[in-house]
N, C-alpha and C. Protein backbone atom coordinates (compact mmCIF):
# COMPACT_ATOMS: atom_id res chain seq x y z
N UNK A 1 14.02 13.45 8.33
CA UNK A 1 13.21 12.30 7.93
C UNK A 1 13.70 11.07 8.69
N UNK A 2 12.78 10.24 9.13
CA UNK A 2 13.10 9.02 9.85
C UNK A 2 13.73 8.01 8.90
N UNK A 3 14.61 7.19 9.45
CA UNK A 3 15.28 6.18 8.63
C UNK A 3 14.26 5.27 7.96
N UNK A 4 14.54 4.90 6.73
CA UNK A 4 13.61 4.12 5.91
C UNK A 4 13.22 2.80 6.58
N UNK A 5 14.15 2.12 7.23
CA UNK A 5 13.82 0.82 7.81
C UNK A 5 12.71 0.92 8.85
N UNK A 6 12.59 2.08 9.50
CA UNK A 6 11.49 2.27 10.44
C UNK A 6 10.14 2.24 9.72
N UNK A 7 10.13 2.63 8.47
CA UNK A 7 8.89 2.64 7.71
C UNK A 7 8.60 1.29 7.07
N UNK A 8 9.62 0.51 6.81
CA UNK A 8 9.42 -0.76 6.12
C UNK A 8 9.15 -1.91 7.08
N UNK A 9 9.40 -1.70 8.34
CA UNK A 9 9.18 -2.76 9.32
C UNK A 9 7.69 -3.03 9.47
N UNK A 10 7.32 -4.30 9.37
CA UNK A 10 5.93 -4.70 9.56
C UNK A 10 5.70 -4.98 11.03
N UNK A 11 4.71 -4.31 11.66
CA UNK A 11 4.52 -4.46 13.09
C UNK A 11 4.29 -5.91 13.53
N UNK A 12 3.35 -6.60 12.93
CA UNK A 12 3.05 -7.99 13.27
C UNK A 12 2.57 -8.68 12.00
N UNK A 13 3.15 -9.83 11.70
CA UNK A 13 2.69 -10.58 10.54
C UNK A 13 3.57 -10.39 9.32
N UNK A 14 3.17 -11.05 8.26
CA UNK A 14 3.91 -11.03 7.00
C UNK A 14 3.69 -9.72 6.26
N UNK A 15 4.59 -9.46 5.33
CA UNK A 15 4.42 -8.34 4.41
C UNK A 15 4.12 -8.93 3.05
N UNK A 16 3.07 -8.41 2.40
CA UNK A 16 2.71 -8.90 1.08
C UNK A 16 2.78 -7.76 0.07
N UNK A 17 3.00 -8.14 -1.18
CA UNK A 17 2.88 -7.23 -2.32
C UNK A 17 1.49 -7.49 -2.86
N UNK A 18 0.66 -6.45 -2.90
CA UNK A 18 -0.73 -6.58 -3.30
C UNK A 18 -0.97 -5.80 -4.58
N UNK A 19 -1.53 -6.46 -5.58
CA UNK A 19 -1.92 -5.78 -6.81
C UNK A 19 -3.22 -5.03 -6.56
N UNK A 20 -3.20 -3.73 -6.83
CA UNK A 20 -4.36 -2.88 -6.62
C UNK A 20 -4.56 -2.04 -7.87
N UNK A 21 -5.80 -1.93 -8.33
CA UNK A 21 -6.08 -1.08 -9.48
C UNK A 21 -5.68 0.35 -9.15
N UNK A 22 -5.14 1.08 -10.14
CA UNK A 22 -4.64 2.44 -9.88
C UNK A 22 -5.64 3.35 -9.18
N UNK A 23 -6.92 3.28 -9.54
CA UNK A 23 -7.88 4.20 -8.89
C UNK A 23 -7.98 3.91 -7.39
N UNK A 24 -7.87 2.64 -7.00
CA UNK A 24 -7.92 2.30 -5.58
C UNK A 24 -6.60 2.60 -4.88
N UNK A 25 -5.47 2.38 -5.58
CA UNK A 25 -4.17 2.74 -5.03
C UNK A 25 -4.12 4.24 -4.73
N UNK A 26 -4.66 5.05 -5.63
CA UNK A 26 -4.69 6.50 -5.42
C UNK A 26 -5.53 6.87 -4.21
N UNK A 27 -6.64 6.17 -4.00
CA UNK A 27 -7.49 6.45 -2.84
C UNK A 27 -6.79 6.04 -1.53
N UNK A 28 -6.04 4.95 -1.55
CA UNK A 28 -5.27 4.53 -0.37
C UNK A 28 -4.21 5.58 -0.06
N UNK A 29 -3.50 6.02 -1.09
CA UNK A 29 -2.46 7.04 -0.92
C UNK A 29 -3.05 8.34 -0.37
N UNK A 30 -4.23 8.71 -0.86
CA UNK A 30 -4.88 9.94 -0.40
C UNK A 30 -5.42 9.81 1.03
N UNK A 31 -5.48 8.58 1.54
CA UNK A 31 -5.97 8.36 2.88
C UNK A 31 -7.48 8.22 2.98
N UNK A 32 -8.17 8.23 1.85
CA UNK A 32 -9.63 8.15 1.89
C UNK A 32 -10.14 6.71 1.82
N UNK A 33 -9.29 5.78 1.40
CA UNK A 33 -9.66 4.35 1.37
C UNK A 33 -8.87 3.68 2.50
N UNK A 34 -9.60 3.28 3.55
CA UNK A 34 -8.97 2.71 4.72
C UNK A 34 -9.35 1.25 4.95
N UNK A 35 -9.94 0.64 3.93
CA UNK A 35 -10.28 -0.78 4.01
C UNK A 35 -10.05 -1.39 2.62
N UNK A 36 -9.42 -2.55 2.60
CA UNK A 36 -9.20 -3.28 1.35
C UNK A 36 -10.02 -4.56 1.43
N UNK A 37 -10.93 -4.71 0.49
CA UNK A 37 -11.81 -5.87 0.46
C UNK A 37 -11.23 -6.94 -0.46
N UNK A 38 -11.32 -8.19 -0.03
CA UNK A 38 -10.78 -9.30 -0.80
C UNK A 38 -11.68 -10.51 -0.69
N UNK A 39 -11.74 -11.28 -1.78
CA UNK A 39 -12.50 -12.54 -1.80
C UNK A 39 -11.77 -13.61 -0.98
N UNK A 40 -10.46 -13.55 -0.97
CA UNK A 40 -9.63 -14.49 -0.22
C UNK A 40 -8.43 -13.72 0.33
N UNK A 41 -7.86 -14.23 1.40
CA UNK A 41 -6.70 -13.58 2.00
C UNK A 41 -5.58 -14.59 2.17
N UNK A 42 -4.35 -14.09 2.38
CA UNK A 42 -3.23 -15.01 2.60
C UNK A 42 -3.44 -15.89 3.83
N UNK A 43 -2.83 -17.06 3.81
CA UNK A 43 -2.93 -17.99 4.94
C UNK A 43 -2.22 -17.42 6.17
N UNK A 44 -1.08 -16.75 5.94
CA UNK A 44 -0.32 -16.15 7.04
C UNK A 44 -0.91 -14.78 7.39
N UNK A 45 -0.88 -14.44 8.65
CA UNK A 45 -1.34 -13.14 9.11
C UNK A 45 -0.55 -12.02 8.39
N UNK A 46 -1.25 -10.99 7.95
CA UNK A 46 -0.62 -9.88 7.22
C UNK A 46 -0.49 -8.67 8.14
N UNK A 47 0.74 -8.18 8.28
CA UNK A 47 1.00 -6.99 9.08
C UNK A 47 1.15 -5.74 8.24
N UNK A 48 1.60 -5.91 6.99
CA UNK A 48 1.81 -4.76 6.12
C UNK A 48 1.62 -5.16 4.66
N UNK A 49 1.22 -4.17 3.87
CA UNK A 49 1.00 -4.37 2.45
C UNK A 49 1.85 -3.38 1.67
N UNK A 50 2.61 -3.89 0.72
CA UNK A 50 3.30 -3.05 -0.25
C UNK A 50 2.35 -2.96 -1.43
N UNK A 51 1.97 -1.73 -1.79
CA UNK A 51 0.95 -1.50 -2.82
C UNK A 51 1.60 -1.44 -4.21
N UNK A 52 1.21 -2.41 -5.05
CA UNK A 52 1.61 -2.43 -6.46
C UNK A 52 0.42 -1.91 -7.25
N UNK A 53 0.57 -0.71 -7.83
CA UNK A 53 -0.48 -0.13 -8.66
C UNK A 53 -0.41 -0.80 -10.02
N UNK A 54 -1.44 -1.57 -10.35
CA UNK A 54 -1.43 -2.39 -11.56
C UNK A 54 -1.52 -1.56 -12.83
N UNK A 55 -1.69 -2.21 -13.94
CA UNK A 55 -1.68 -1.58 -15.25
C UNK A 55 -2.70 -0.44 -15.33
N UNK A 56 -2.35 0.68 -15.89
CA UNK A 56 -1.16 0.97 -16.68
C UNK A 56 0.03 1.50 -15.88
N UNK A 57 -0.11 1.73 -14.54
CA UNK A 57 0.98 2.30 -13.74
C UNK A 57 2.13 1.31 -13.60
N UNK A 58 1.84 0.12 -13.11
CA UNK A 58 2.80 -0.99 -12.95
C UNK A 58 4.03 -0.62 -12.12
N UNK A 59 3.78 0.02 -10.97
CA UNK A 59 4.87 0.37 -10.06
C UNK A 59 4.42 0.20 -8.62
N UNK A 60 5.41 0.03 -7.74
CA UNK A 60 5.16 -0.04 -6.31
C UNK A 60 5.11 1.42 -5.83
N UNK A 61 4.00 1.80 -5.19
CA UNK A 61 3.78 3.21 -4.90
C UNK A 61 3.68 3.55 -3.41
N UNK A 62 3.42 2.56 -2.56
CA UNK A 62 3.23 2.86 -1.14
C UNK A 62 3.28 1.59 -0.32
N UNK A 63 3.25 1.81 0.98
CA UNK A 63 3.17 0.71 1.93
C UNK A 63 2.18 1.13 3.01
N UNK A 64 1.43 0.18 3.53
CA UNK A 64 0.41 0.47 4.53
C UNK A 64 0.36 -0.68 5.53
N UNK A 65 0.09 -0.35 6.79
CA UNK A 65 -0.05 -1.38 7.82
C UNK A 65 -1.48 -1.90 7.83
N UNK A 66 -1.63 -3.15 8.25
CA UNK A 66 -2.95 -3.77 8.40
C UNK A 66 -3.26 -3.80 9.89
N UNK A 67 -4.27 -3.03 10.27
CA UNK A 67 -4.68 -2.92 11.66
C UNK A 67 -5.43 -4.18 12.11
N UNK A 68 -6.26 -4.71 11.20
CA UNK A 68 -7.07 -5.88 11.53
C UNK A 68 -7.58 -6.49 10.23
N UNK A 69 -7.87 -7.78 10.26
CA UNK A 69 -8.50 -8.47 9.13
C UNK A 69 -9.77 -9.11 9.64
N UNK A 70 -10.86 -8.84 8.94
CA UNK A 70 -12.17 -9.30 9.38
C UNK A 70 -12.83 -10.12 8.28
N UNK A 71 -13.32 -11.29 8.65
CA UNK A 71 -14.16 -12.07 7.74
C UNK A 71 -15.61 -11.74 8.09
N UNK A 72 -16.41 -11.44 7.07
CA UNK A 72 -17.79 -11.03 7.34
C UNK A 72 -18.68 -11.36 6.16
N UNK A 73 -20.00 -11.33 6.40
CA UNK A 73 -20.94 -11.50 5.30
C UNK A 73 -20.97 -10.20 4.49
N UNK A 74 -21.60 -10.26 3.33
CA UNK A 74 -21.55 -9.13 2.40
C UNK A 74 -22.19 -7.86 2.96
N UNK A 75 -23.25 -7.98 3.74
CA UNK A 75 -23.87 -6.77 4.30
C UNK A 75 -22.94 -6.10 5.31
N UNK A 76 -22.24 -6.90 6.11
CA UNK A 76 -21.28 -6.33 7.06
C UNK A 76 -20.06 -5.76 6.33
N UNK A 77 -19.62 -6.42 5.26
CA UNK A 77 -18.53 -5.87 4.46
C UNK A 77 -18.92 -4.52 3.86
N UNK A 78 -20.17 -4.42 3.41
CA UNK A 78 -20.63 -3.15 2.85
C UNK A 78 -20.58 -2.05 3.92
N UNK A 79 -21.00 -2.36 5.14
CA UNK A 79 -20.96 -1.36 6.21
C UNK A 79 -19.52 -0.97 6.54
N UNK A 80 -18.61 -1.95 6.56
CA UNK A 80 -17.20 -1.64 6.79
C UNK A 80 -16.65 -0.74 5.69
N UNK A 81 -17.01 -1.04 4.44
CA UNK A 81 -16.55 -0.23 3.31
C UNK A 81 -17.14 1.17 3.38
N UNK A 82 -18.41 1.24 3.68
CA UNK A 82 -19.11 2.53 3.75
C UNK A 82 -18.52 3.41 4.86
N UNK A 83 -18.19 2.80 5.99
CA UNK A 83 -17.70 3.56 7.14
C UNK A 83 -16.19 3.80 7.13
N UNK A 84 -15.45 3.08 6.28
CA UNK A 84 -14.00 3.19 6.27
C UNK A 84 -13.44 3.53 4.89
N UNK A 85 -14.25 4.12 4.04
CA UNK A 85 -13.74 4.52 2.73
C UNK A 85 -13.34 3.34 1.88
N UNK A 86 -14.29 2.51 1.51
CA UNK A 86 -13.99 1.33 0.69
C UNK A 86 -13.70 1.66 -0.76
N UNK A 87 -14.13 2.85 -1.21
CA UNK A 87 -13.84 3.27 -2.57
C UNK A 87 -14.69 2.63 -3.65
N UNK A 88 -15.80 2.01 -3.25
CA UNK A 88 -16.66 1.38 -4.25
C UNK A 88 -18.12 1.51 -3.85
N UNK A 89 -18.98 1.31 -4.83
CA UNK A 89 -20.42 1.35 -4.59
C UNK A 89 -20.89 -0.01 -4.09
N UNK A 90 -22.11 -0.05 -3.59
CA UNK A 90 -22.68 -1.32 -3.12
C UNK A 90 -22.80 -2.31 -4.27
N UNK A 91 -23.18 -1.80 -5.45
CA UNK A 91 -23.29 -2.67 -6.63
C UNK A 91 -21.93 -3.24 -7.01
N UNK A 92 -20.88 -2.41 -6.97
CA UNK A 92 -19.53 -2.90 -7.27
C UNK A 92 -19.10 -3.97 -6.27
N UNK A 93 -19.43 -3.76 -5.01
CA UNK A 93 -19.11 -4.76 -3.98
C UNK A 93 -19.83 -6.06 -4.28
N UNK A 94 -21.11 -5.98 -4.58
CA UNK A 94 -21.88 -7.19 -4.87
C UNK A 94 -21.34 -7.90 -6.11
N UNK A 95 -20.96 -7.15 -7.13
CA UNK A 95 -20.38 -7.76 -8.34
C UNK A 95 -19.05 -8.45 -8.02
N UNK A 96 -18.21 -7.79 -7.23
CA UNK A 96 -16.90 -8.34 -6.88
C UNK A 96 -17.05 -9.65 -6.10
N UNK A 97 -18.02 -9.71 -5.20
CA UNK A 97 -18.19 -10.90 -4.35
C UNK A 97 -19.23 -11.88 -4.90
N UNK A 98 -19.63 -11.70 -6.16
CA UNK A 98 -20.65 -12.59 -6.75
C UNK A 98 -20.24 -14.05 -6.55
N UNK A 99 -21.19 -14.85 -6.05
CA UNK A 99 -20.94 -16.26 -5.81
C UNK A 99 -20.37 -16.55 -4.43
N UNK A 100 -20.09 -15.52 -3.66
CA UNK A 100 -19.54 -15.69 -2.30
C UNK A 100 -20.57 -15.22 -1.28
N UNK A 101 -20.57 -15.84 -0.13
CA UNK A 101 -21.45 -15.38 0.95
C UNK A 101 -20.69 -14.58 1.99
N UNK A 102 -19.37 -14.78 2.04
CA UNK A 102 -18.52 -14.00 2.94
C UNK A 102 -17.30 -13.52 2.18
N UNK A 103 -16.61 -12.59 2.78
CA UNK A 103 -15.37 -12.06 2.22
C UNK A 103 -14.54 -11.48 3.36
N UNK A 104 -13.50 -10.74 2.98
CA UNK A 104 -12.55 -10.24 3.98
C UNK A 104 -12.35 -8.74 3.80
N UNK A 105 -12.17 -8.09 4.93
CA UNK A 105 -11.84 -6.67 4.97
C UNK A 105 -10.54 -6.51 5.74
N UNK A 106 -9.54 -5.90 5.11
CA UNK A 106 -8.30 -5.58 5.80
C UNK A 106 -8.37 -4.09 6.12
N UNK A 107 -8.37 -3.76 7.41
CA UNK A 107 -8.43 -2.37 7.84
C UNK A 107 -7.03 -1.78 7.78
N UNK A 108 -6.89 -0.66 7.07
CA UNK A 108 -5.59 -0.08 6.76
C UNK A 108 -5.30 1.13 7.65
N UNK A 109 -4.01 1.31 7.97
CA UNK A 109 -3.56 2.48 8.72
C UNK A 109 -2.09 2.75 8.39
N UNK A 110 -1.64 3.95 8.72
CA UNK A 110 -0.23 4.30 8.60
C UNK A 110 0.30 4.14 7.17
N UNK A 111 -0.26 4.89 6.25
CA UNK A 111 0.16 4.86 4.84
C UNK A 111 1.50 5.56 4.70
N UNK A 112 2.44 4.89 4.04
CA UNK A 112 3.73 5.50 3.70
C UNK A 112 3.84 5.56 2.19
N UNK A 113 3.96 6.76 1.67
CA UNK A 113 4.00 6.97 0.22
C UNK A 113 5.45 7.02 -0.23
N UNK A 114 5.77 6.28 -1.27
CA UNK A 114 7.11 6.30 -1.80
C UNK A 114 7.29 7.54 -2.67
N UNK A 115 8.28 8.36 -2.34
CA UNK A 115 8.51 9.59 -3.08
C UNK A 115 8.71 9.32 -4.56
N UNK A 116 9.41 8.25 -4.84
CA UNK A 116 9.62 7.84 -6.22
C UNK A 116 9.16 6.39 -6.34
N UNK A 117 8.10 6.14 -7.13
CA UNK A 117 7.64 4.75 -7.29
C UNK A 117 8.76 3.83 -7.76
N UNK A 118 8.64 2.56 -7.39
CA UNK A 118 9.67 1.56 -7.69
C UNK A 118 9.17 0.59 -8.75
N UNK A 119 10.01 0.38 -9.75
CA UNK A 119 9.73 -0.65 -10.73
C UNK A 119 9.95 -1.99 -10.02
N UNK A 120 8.94 -2.84 -9.94
CA UNK A 120 9.07 -4.08 -9.17
C UNK A 120 10.14 -5.02 -9.73
N UNK A 121 10.51 -4.87 -10.97
CA UNK A 121 11.57 -5.71 -11.55
C UNK A 121 12.93 -5.42 -10.92
N UNK A 122 13.05 -4.24 -10.31
CA UNK A 122 14.29 -3.91 -9.59
C UNK A 122 14.33 -4.60 -8.23
N UNK A 123 13.19 -5.04 -7.78
CA UNK A 123 13.06 -5.66 -6.46
C UNK A 123 13.00 -7.18 -6.55
N UNK A 124 12.26 -7.67 -7.54
CA UNK A 124 11.98 -9.11 -7.65
C UNK A 124 12.44 -9.61 -9.01
N UNK A 125 13.39 -10.54 -8.99
CA UNK A 125 13.88 -11.13 -10.24
C UNK A 125 12.75 -11.87 -10.94
N UNK A 126 12.60 -11.64 -12.24
CA UNK A 126 11.57 -12.32 -13.02
C UNK A 126 10.16 -11.91 -12.62
N UNK A 127 10.00 -10.68 -12.15
CA UNK A 127 8.70 -10.22 -11.65
C UNK A 127 7.60 -10.38 -12.70
N UNK A 128 6.48 -10.92 -12.24
CA UNK A 128 5.22 -10.87 -12.99
C UNK A 128 4.18 -10.39 -11.99
N UNK A 129 3.26 -9.61 -12.46
CA UNK A 129 2.23 -9.04 -11.60
C UNK A 129 1.45 -10.17 -10.94
N UNK A 130 1.36 -10.16 -9.60
CA UNK A 130 0.59 -11.21 -8.94
C UNK A 130 -0.89 -11.06 -9.25
N UNK A 131 -1.57 -12.18 -9.41
CA UNK A 131 -3.01 -12.15 -9.65
C UNK A 131 -3.71 -11.43 -8.51
N UNK A 132 -3.26 -11.71 -7.29
CA UNK A 132 -3.84 -11.07 -6.12
C UNK A 132 -2.73 -10.51 -5.23
N UNK A 133 -1.88 -11.39 -4.70
CA UNK A 133 -0.81 -10.96 -3.80
C UNK A 133 0.36 -11.93 -3.90
N UNK A 134 1.47 -11.53 -3.29
CA UNK A 134 2.61 -12.43 -3.10
C UNK A 134 3.32 -12.00 -1.83
N UNK A 135 3.80 -12.98 -1.07
CA UNK A 135 4.57 -12.68 0.13
C UNK A 135 5.90 -12.06 -0.28
N UNK A 136 6.39 -11.11 0.52
CA UNK A 136 7.72 -10.55 0.30
C UNK A 136 8.67 -11.15 1.32
N UNK A 137 9.80 -11.63 0.84
CA UNK A 137 10.83 -12.20 1.71
C UNK A 137 11.62 -11.06 2.35
N UNK A 138 12.28 -11.37 3.46
CA UNK A 138 13.08 -10.37 4.18
C UNK A 138 14.12 -9.74 3.25
N UNK A 139 14.74 -10.54 2.38
CA UNK A 139 15.76 -9.99 1.47
C UNK A 139 15.14 -9.02 0.46
N UNK A 140 13.90 -9.26 0.06
CA UNK A 140 13.21 -8.34 -0.86
C UNK A 140 12.87 -7.03 -0.15
N UNK A 141 12.48 -7.11 1.11
CA UNK A 141 12.21 -5.89 1.88
C UNK A 141 13.47 -5.08 2.08
N UNK A 142 14.59 -5.76 2.33
CA UNK A 142 15.87 -5.06 2.48
C UNK A 142 16.26 -4.37 1.16
N UNK A 143 16.01 -5.05 0.05
CA UNK A 143 16.30 -4.47 -1.25
C UNK A 143 15.40 -3.26 -1.51
N UNK A 144 14.14 -3.36 -1.12
CA UNK A 144 13.21 -2.25 -1.27
C UNK A 144 13.71 -1.06 -0.44
N UNK A 145 14.17 -1.34 0.76
CA UNK A 145 14.69 -0.29 1.63
C UNK A 145 15.83 0.46 0.94
N UNK A 146 16.69 -0.26 0.25
CA UNK A 146 17.82 0.37 -0.44
C UNK A 146 17.36 1.19 -1.64
N UNK A 147 16.24 0.83 -2.25
CA UNK A 147 15.77 1.52 -3.44
C UNK A 147 14.94 2.77 -3.15
N UNK A 148 14.49 2.92 -1.92
CA UNK A 148 13.49 3.94 -1.62
C UNK A 148 13.94 5.09 -0.75
N UNK A 149 13.25 6.16 -0.97
CA UNK A 149 13.15 7.22 0.02
C UNK A 149 11.66 7.29 0.29
N UNK A 150 11.31 7.24 1.56
CA UNK A 150 9.89 7.16 1.90
C UNK A 150 9.46 8.46 2.57
N UNK A 151 8.30 8.96 2.16
CA UNK A 151 7.68 10.10 2.81
C UNK A 151 6.53 9.60 3.65
N UNK A 152 6.50 9.95 4.91
CA UNK A 152 5.44 9.46 5.79
C UNK A 152 4.18 10.31 5.63
N UNK A 153 3.07 9.67 5.63
CA UNK A 153 1.77 10.35 5.63
C UNK A 153 0.87 9.60 6.59
N UNK A 154 0.34 10.30 7.51
CA UNK A 154 -0.53 9.67 8.52
C UNK A 154 -1.93 9.56 8.00
């Protein structure tokens, strides 16, 4: 197995902890969801996402690289989701983006599944589930590296 730090290194950009509903986290892990749609994105360029599977799981389960981030209108977002395994119906997309004319698609690649999910409280002091995302500091990534054994999945 390759050293863990090779898996935790973000190719370009910041690493964020992203809250994802368990059904979507499972689809990302399975490799069938290759696009993450968001109403807003971080100000800093994102190179990698640490996936926090929200309630009832409440654990960090994987990490994935961001190949590209695209701002688009809803019809183009739907096509991106349809062609890249968005994991939702057109109606769900329209409901999620209600009141917005554009949104964002983060194209995902290189999923790394954590053999043993991590309780985020072991990584982040005073952890509370982020409403959407939070940047991870270099020291938090190093701590994650110490807590994990990572299994690679392409």
